[in-house]
Structures are given as C-alpha cells and as structure tokens.
C-alpha atoms as a PDB file:
ATOM      1  CA  MET A   1      68.065 104.745 111.231  1.00  0.00           C
ATOM      2  CA  ASN A   2      69.747 105.386 107.888  1.00  0.00           C
ATOM      3  CA  LYS A   3      71.470 108.678 108.160  1.00  0.00           C
ATOM      4  CA  THR A   4      72.544 110.331 104.962  1.00  0.00           C
ATOM      5  CA  ILE A   5      75.689 112.353 105.163  1.00  0.00           C
ATOM      6  CA  THR A   6      75.701 115.553 103.196  1.00  0.00           C
ATOM      7  CA  LYS A   7      78.762 116.911 101.482  1.00  0.00           C
ATOM      8  CA  GLU A   8      79.161 119.672 104.090  1.00  0.00           C
ATOM      9  CA  GLU A   9      79.146 117.200 106.982  1.00  0.00           C
ATOM     10  CA  SER A  10      81.790 114.985 105.391  1.00  0.00           C
ATOM     11  CA  VAL A  11      84.079 117.976 104.883  1.00  0.00           C
ATOM     12  CA  THR A  12      83.734 119.139 108.490  1.00  0.00           C
ATOM     13  CA  GLU A  13      84.529 115.672 109.831  1.00  0.00           C
ATOM     14  CA  ASN A  14      87.978 115.743 108.227  1.00  0.00           C
ATOM     15  CA  ASN A  15      89.124 118.915 110.022  1.00  0.00           C
ATOM     16  CA  ASP A  16      91.058 116.883 112.595  1.00  0.00           C
ATOM     17  CA  PHE A  17      93.628 115.556 110.118  1.00  0.00           C
ATOM     18  CA  LYS A  18      96.881 114.504 111.777  1.00  0.00           C
ATOM     19  CA  ILE A  19     100.117 113.127 110.371  1.00  0.00           C
ATOM     20  CA  SER A  20     102.258 110.718 112.349  1.00  0.00           C
ATOM     21  CA  VAL A  21     105.530 111.922 113.807  1.00  0.00           C
ATOM     22  CA  ILE A  22     107.394 109.122 112.006  1.00  0.00           C
ATOM     23  CA  THR A  23     106.210 110.478 108.655  1.00  0.00           C
ATOM     24  CA  VAL A  24     107.366 113.977 109.549  1.00  0.00           C
ATOM     25  CA  TRP A  25     110.752 112.625 110.685  1.00  0.00           C
ATOM     26  CA  PHE A  26     111.063 110.735 107.379  1.00  0.00           C
ATOM     27  CA  LEU A  27     110.342 113.911 105.408  1.00  0.00           C
ATOM     28  CA  THR A  28     112.654 116.018 107.558  1.00  0.00           C
ATOM     29  CA  ILE A  29     115.612 113.644 107.484  1.00  0.00           C
ATOM     30  CA  GLY A  30     114.934 112.596 103.891  1.00  0.00           C
ATOM     31  CA  TYR A  31     115.517 115.949 102.266  1.00  0.00           C
ATOM     32  CA  PHE A  32     119.127 116.271 103.484  1.00  0.00           C
ATOM     33  CA  PRO A  33     120.650 113.407 101.447  1.00  0.00           C
ATOM     34  CA  LEU A  34     118.467 114.164  98.438  1.00  0.00           C
ATOM     35  CA  LEU A  35     119.569 117.801  98.360  1.00  0.00           C
ATOM     36  CA  ILE A  36     123.222 116.870  98.864  1.00  0.00           C
ATOM     37  CA  ILE A  37     123.151 114.220  96.118  1.00  0.00           C
ATOM     38  CA  GLY A  38     121.284 116.588  93.803  1.00  0.00           C
ATOM     39  CA  SER A  39     123.698 119.439  94.462  1.00  0.00           C
ATOM     40  CA  LEU A  40     126.793 117.318  93.979  1.00  0.00           C
ATOM     41  CA  GLY A  41     125.237 115.858  90.843  1.00  0.00           C
ATOM     42  CA  ARG A  42     124.644 119.342  89.460  1.00  0.00           C
ATOM     43  CA  ILE A  43     128.287 120.219  90.089  1.00  0.00           C
ATOM     44  CA  GLN A  44     129.417 117.106  88.193  1.00  0.00           C
ATOM     45  CA  GLN A  45     126.665 117.658  85.599  1.00  0.00           C
ATOM     46  CA  TYR A  46     124.891 114.374  86.311  1.00  0.00           C
ATOM     47  CA  GLU A  47     121.714 114.100  84.218  1.00  0.00           C
ATOM     48  CA  LEU A  48     119.335 112.920  86.940  1.00  0.00           C
ATOM     49  CA  SER A  49     120.512 115.418  89.563  1.00  0.00           C
ATOM     50  CA  ARG A  50     117.580 117.760  88.979  1.00  0.00           C
ATOM     51  CA  TYR A  51     115.165 114.988  89.993  1.00  0.00           C
ATOM     52  CA  PHE A  52     117.001 114.516  93.296  1.00  0.00           C
ATOM     53  CA  LEU A  53     116.852 118.266  93.865  1.00  0.00           C
ATOM     54  CA  ILE A  54     113.144 118.467  93.027  1.00  0.00           C
ATOM     55  CA  ILE A  55     112.231 115.558  95.315  1.00  0.00           C
ATOM     56  CA  GLY A  56     114.460 116.946  98.092  1.00  0.00           C
ATOM     57  CA  LEU A  57     112.847 120.379  97.809  1.00  0.00           C
ATOM     58  CA  CYS A  58     109.375 118.809  97.849  1.00  0.00           C
ATOM     59  CA  PHE A  59     110.287 116.920 101.046  1.00  0.00           C
ATOM     60  CA  LEU A  60     111.706 120.125 102.537  1.00  0.00           C
ATOM     61  CA  PHE A  61     108.657 122.199 101.657  1.00  0.00           C
ATOM     62  CA  SER A  62     106.150 119.613 102.870  1.00  0.00           C
ATOM     63  CA  SER A  63     107.949 119.012 106.179  1.00  0.00           C
ATOM     64  CA  TRP A  64     108.328 122.767 106.634  1.00  0.00           C
ATOM     65  CA  LEU A  65     104.586 123.314 106.145  1.00  0.00           C
ATOM     66  CA  ILE A  66     103.629 120.476 108.485  1.00  0.00           C
ATOM     67  CA  ILE A  67     105.943 121.685 111.252  1.00  0.00           C
ATOM     68  CA  TYR A  68     104.968 125.323 110.790  1.00  0.00           C
ATOM     69  CA  SER A  69     101.273 124.428 111.095  1.00  0.00           C
ATOM     70  CA  ASP A  70     102.082 122.354 114.191  1.00  0.00           C
ATOM     71  CA  ILE A  71     103.819 125.344 115.772  1.00  0.00           C
ATOM     72  CA  ARG A  72     100.850 127.597 114.978  1.00  0.00           C
ATOM     73  CA  LYS A  73      98.244 125.067 116.161  1.00  0.00           C
ATOM     74  CA  ASN A  74      99.763 123.916 119.469  1.00  0.00           C
ATOM     75  CA  LYS A  75     100.667 125.913 122.528  1.00  0.00           C
ATOM     76  CA  VAL A  76     104.428 125.915 122.039  1.00  0.00           C
ATOM     77  CA  TYR A  77     106.758 127.647 124.463  1.00  0.00           C
ATOM     78  CA  ASN A  78     108.332 130.697 122.806  1.00  0.00           C
ATOM     79  CA  LYS A  79     106.215 130.432 119.659  1.00  0.00           C
ATOM     80  CA  LEU A  80     107.581 133.646 118.174  1.00  0.00           C
ATOM     81  CA  PHE A  81     111.157 132.345 118.330  1.00  0.00           C
ATOM     82  CA  TRP A  82     110.245 129.094 116.553  1.00  0.00           C
ATOM     83  CA  THR A  83     108.200 130.912 113.920  1.00  0.00           C
ATOM     84  CA  MET A  84     111.023 133.350 113.175  1.00  0.00           C
ATOM     85  CA  SER A  85     113.637 130.596 113.112  1.00  0.00           C
ATOM     86  CA  MET A  86     111.517 128.656 110.584  1.00  0.00           C
ATOM     87  CA  PHE A  87     111.925 131.593 108.205  1.00  0.00           C
ATOM     88  CA  ILE A  88     115.562 132.398 109.014  1.00  0.00           C
ATOM     89  CA  LEU A  89     116.956 128.817 109.145  1.00  0.00           C
ATOM     90  CA  PRO A  90     114.466 126.654 107.212  1.00  0.00           C
ATOM     91  CA  PHE A  91     116.873 123.731 106.773  1.00  0.00           C
ATOM     92  CA  ILE A  92     117.890 123.248 110.415  1.00  0.00           C
ATOM     93  CA  THR A  93     114.913 124.398 112.489  1.00  0.00           C
ATOM     94  CA  PRO A  94     112.569 121.457 111.669  1.00  0.00           C
ATOM     95  CA  VAL A  95     115.109 118.949 112.997  1.00  0.00           C
ATOM     96  CA  PHE A  96     115.591 120.800 116.282  1.00  0.00           C
ATOM     97  CA  TYR A  97     111.870 121.428 116.661  1.00  0.00           C
ATOM     98  CA  LEU A  98     111.059 117.730 116.243  1.00  0.00           C
ATOM     99  CA  MET A  99     113.689 116.802 118.838  1.00  0.00           C
ATOM    100  CA  LEU A 100     112.302 119.313 121.366  1.00  0.00           C
ATOM    101  CA  ARG A 101     108.583 119.142 120.441  1.00  0.00           C
ATOM    102  CA  LYS A 102     107.251 117.325 123.534  1.00  0.00           C
ATOM    103  CA  LYS A 103     109.250 119.518 125.894  1.00  0.00           C
ATOM    104  CA  LEU A 104     108.120 122.722 124.132  1.00  0.00           C
ATOM    105  CA  ILE A 105     104.454 121.708 124.227  1.00  0.00           C
ATOM    106  CA  ASN A 106     104.695 120.798 127.927  1.00  0.00           C
ATOM    107  CA  LEU A 107     106.326 124.155 128.699  1.00  0.00           C
ATOM    108  CA  GLY A 108     103.697 125.911 126.598  1.00  0.00           C
ATOM    109  CA  GLN A 109     100.915 124.302 128.630  1.00  0.00           C
ATOM    110  CA  LYS A 110     102.479 125.569 131.871  1.00  0.00           C
ATOM    111  CA  TYR A 111     102.931 129.200 130.759  1.00  0.00           C
END
C-alpha cells in the first residue's frame, strides 16, 4: 500500500492555498504606520526611513494581491465596483473590503 507521490500530484494538491483573515488584517493595518513613519522620516531625512517605506510598500502590495485574488475568486456582490476601487483607491479599499467581506460574499451568493 505504499503510494509514491509524483511531482505533478504534489503540485496539484497545493492549489487550495488559503491565508487566514488575521494575517490579511495584519498586513492591511500594518502598512499604514510603516508608510507614515517612513514618509515622515524621509521629510526629516532620517537614515532608516527608506526601510520603513520598503517594508510598508511590501505589506501594501502583498495585502493588495491577496484581497484582489479573493475578490476574483469568490462570488462577491458588485465585483466590478470592488475591482475598480482596488485600482483607484489602493490604500483604502482593502480595509473596507475586509470589514464588509462576509456581507458581500453572502449577497453575492444570493444574486
């Protein structure tokens, strides 16, 4: 009963990768103070400010990608609006989407 797993089978088993909501909240809330500290540090010419900006932008980009893929994957009510707002207001939309996520998915299932 020894079953050998080929490389193709192991890759297809990992297609259902999910990230916890707490991690996404941490990334989404975490980039605000990092970007503010980095920006204020750049104004005052603080040496380490670029590292705060880089980490804040990495948090922003990763949370943006995770939330954008969640919008595309799930049946979200008014998907076009949320997709467009991700491009128009990339700093604010992830926070509002995470607050309304359950309600939007429930409405998307109904319609």
